Amino acid sequence: MNATPSAQTAPPSAAAPAEDLQAWIGRTETVTDTVTPQLAERLAATVESNRVGLRRGDALPQGWYSVLFPRVVPRSQIGRDGHPALGDFLPPVALPKRMFAGKRMQFIAPIRIGDDVERVSEIASIANKQGSTGPLVFVTLRHTIRNAAGVAVIEEQDVVYRTAASAVGKEGAPAAAAKASAPAFTADKTSPVITADPVMIFRYSALCFNGHRIHYDQPYATGVEGYPGLVVNGGLSTLCAIEHLHDAWGMPFATLSTRNTSPLFEGQPFHIESAQEGDGAIGFRVVSEAGKTIVMGQATLADGSKA
């Protein structure tokens, strides 16, 4: 894999105030990767997918591209939290904590196992907001993923930056931008119960080359970040939801959107619920055994018909 940031804006040498970041909008980066059969096999084992035996030339299951294109930097360029230091492609926001708030995916054509793929990322917007616990900065990234046949996926991803003091609430929940309670949800279909143990979390982080210490370093996660345990990757719980959608509804999707609403921790059982919402849409949520909504989202069927 290689990465080539654009030269539209020279990166500042230190974290910048949010109001000084608008020049970063439009900045782009191009990275490449290869979809190997081994990667598909390892991801299938990690999420215990029934889609085993995938071979070169088979379509990569929808959403699995999310483990591609990891950010690879030398160890000397990694911050205390295990993330790459800011200021190379992502803007150097002067807030210490960052988290993924959600994403919107448009599936245009299949990505196949064996494909060489390219992702062009653009900083689409940067917005300042005031949360209940302090300032927030939202950065929206637009990713366009191509293979030899053309554009395969377009994804928009929201990253939120916040202060250290807002990292953890009374029950370990991150300070969300919106505190609105989740709407009532009546499930048509429900997955089996899943429990993400430290091995599952570590395997997923390894596949993504994700060094964020909250996912594998328990003393750091509890003693520094203040969480009650290791944090389950948001991408991992989303992939579990996609597996449920495939098993329960059995159709390819045209679009899929997610919003992360609460963290999930190692050892906490969870399951996925889904329901038809009309016009070919399937609503879903990842919910803990205690009834807390972790991720909520919606998918639309590729053919536009009702499930």
Foldseek 3Di string as FASTA:
>chain_A
DDKDKDPQDQFDPAADELVPCFSLAFTKMKDKDAQALVLLQLVCVLLVFPPPPADFFAFRQPLSCVLPDFDDDDPVQADPQQHGQDGPNHHRHPADDKDWFKKKKFFDATDGHGWIKMKMKGFHDWDWDAFPVGIKIKTKMWIFMATPVGTGMIMITIMMGHHLVQQQDPQGWHRDRDPDADDDDDFPDKDPKDFAALVSLVSSCVSNVRRRCLNHPFCCVCVPSNHPGRWRHPSSLVVSQSSCCCVPVVADFRMKMKGFDTIDHGGFIWMKGWDWDDQQKIKMFIATPVGGTGMTMMTGGPVRDHD
